[in-house]
Amino acid sequence: MKMKTFAKGLVSVVSVAPRERRPVKFIKQMPLATRRRSDREAIWSDFCAVGDDLRNARKRYDETESSLR
């Protein structure tokens, strides 16, 4: 192992400063969505998504529980 490589590795572990970022070459930036939701719409859609997830989880739990009996 070269001393330079060892020193860089040691500094990256010990240092509290973030690493130097290199520009990304082959990834195109996607444009932001043109329609922005209000905070109220965003919170409501997240609330509904969580409710749907809980409903599906409960249904799967009930199916699993009934198949074990």
Protein backbone atom coordinates (compact mmCIF):
# COMPACT_ATOMS: atom_id res chain seq x y z
CA MET A 1 0.00 0.00 0.00
CA LYS A 2 1.34 3.38 -0.92
CA MET A 3 1.81 5.92 1.84
CA LYS A 4 -0.29 8.50 -0.05
CA THR A 5 -3.24 6.08 -0.30
CA PHE A 6 -2.87 5.18 3.36
CA ALA A 7 -2.82 8.84 4.39
CA LYS A 8 -5.96 9.65 2.33
CA GLY A 9 -7.78 6.70 3.86
CA LEU A 10 -6.76 7.66 7.36
CA VAL A 11 -7.79 11.28 6.86
CA SER A 12 -11.19 10.24 5.47
CA VAL A 13 -11.85 8.22 8.63
CA VAL A 14 -10.51 10.74 11.12
CA SER A 15 -11.56 14.00 9.46
CA VAL A 16 -14.89 15.64 10.21
CA ALA A 17 -14.86 17.66 6.99
CA PRO A 18 -16.89 16.22 4.09
CA ARG A 19 -15.08 14.61 1.18
CA GLU A 20 -14.33 16.58 -1.93
CA ARG A 21 -17.09 15.95 -4.44
CA ARG A 22 -16.27 15.22 -8.02
CA PRO A 23 -18.70 16.15 -10.79
CA VAL A 24 -20.87 13.28 -12.03
CA LYS A 25 -20.21 12.60 -15.70
CA PHE A 26 -22.80 10.27 -17.14
CA ILE A 27 -25.99 11.11 -15.26
CA LYS A 28 -28.40 13.62 -16.74
CA GLN A 29 -30.26 15.80 -14.32
CA MET A 30 -33.99 15.33 -14.48
CA PRO A 31 -36.11 18.48 -14.59
CA LEU A 32 -38.18 19.19 -11.53
CA ALA A 33 -41.89 18.56 -11.75
CA THR A 34 -43.67 21.50 -13.28
CA ARG A 35 -46.77 21.21 -11.10
CA ARG A 36 -46.02 21.83 -7.47
CA ARG A 37 -48.34 20.57 -4.77
CA SER A 38 -49.24 22.67 -1.81
CA ASP A 39 -48.19 21.46 1.62
CA ARG A 40 -51.78 20.56 2.40
CA GLU A 41 -52.08 18.37 -0.73
CA ALA A 42 -48.73 16.70 -0.06
CA ILE A 43 -49.57 15.89 3.55
CA TRP A 44 -53.01 14.55 2.59
CA SER A 45 -51.60 12.30 -0.15
CA ASP A 46 -48.94 10.95 2.24
CA PHE A 47 -51.62 10.35 4.86
CA CYS A 48 -53.74 8.43 2.35
CA ALA A 49 -50.73 6.39 1.20
CA VAL A 50 -49.94 5.37 4.78
CA GLY A 51 -53.57 4.43 5.32
CA ASP A 52 -53.56 2.26 2.20
CA ASP A 53 -50.33 0.58 3.33
CA LEU A 54 -51.76 -0.14 6.76
CA ARG A 55 -54.97 -1.53 5.25
CA ASN A 56 -52.97 -3.84 2.96
CA ALA A 57 -50.73 -4.95 5.83
CA ARG A 58 -53.76 -5.74 7.99
CA LYS A 59 -55.34 -7.74 5.17
CA ARG A 60 -52.13 -9.76 4.67
CA TYR A 61 -51.86 -10.34 8.42
CA ASP A 62 -55.45 -11.60 8.58
CA GLU A 63 -54.86 -13.93 5.62
CA THR A 64 -51.68 -15.30 7.18
CA GLU A 65 -53.31 -15.75 10.57
CA SER A 66 -56.32 -17.57 9.10
CA SER A 67 -54.11 -19.91 7.06
CA LEU A 68 -52.15 -20.93 10.18
CA ARG A 69 -55.27 -22.09 12.04
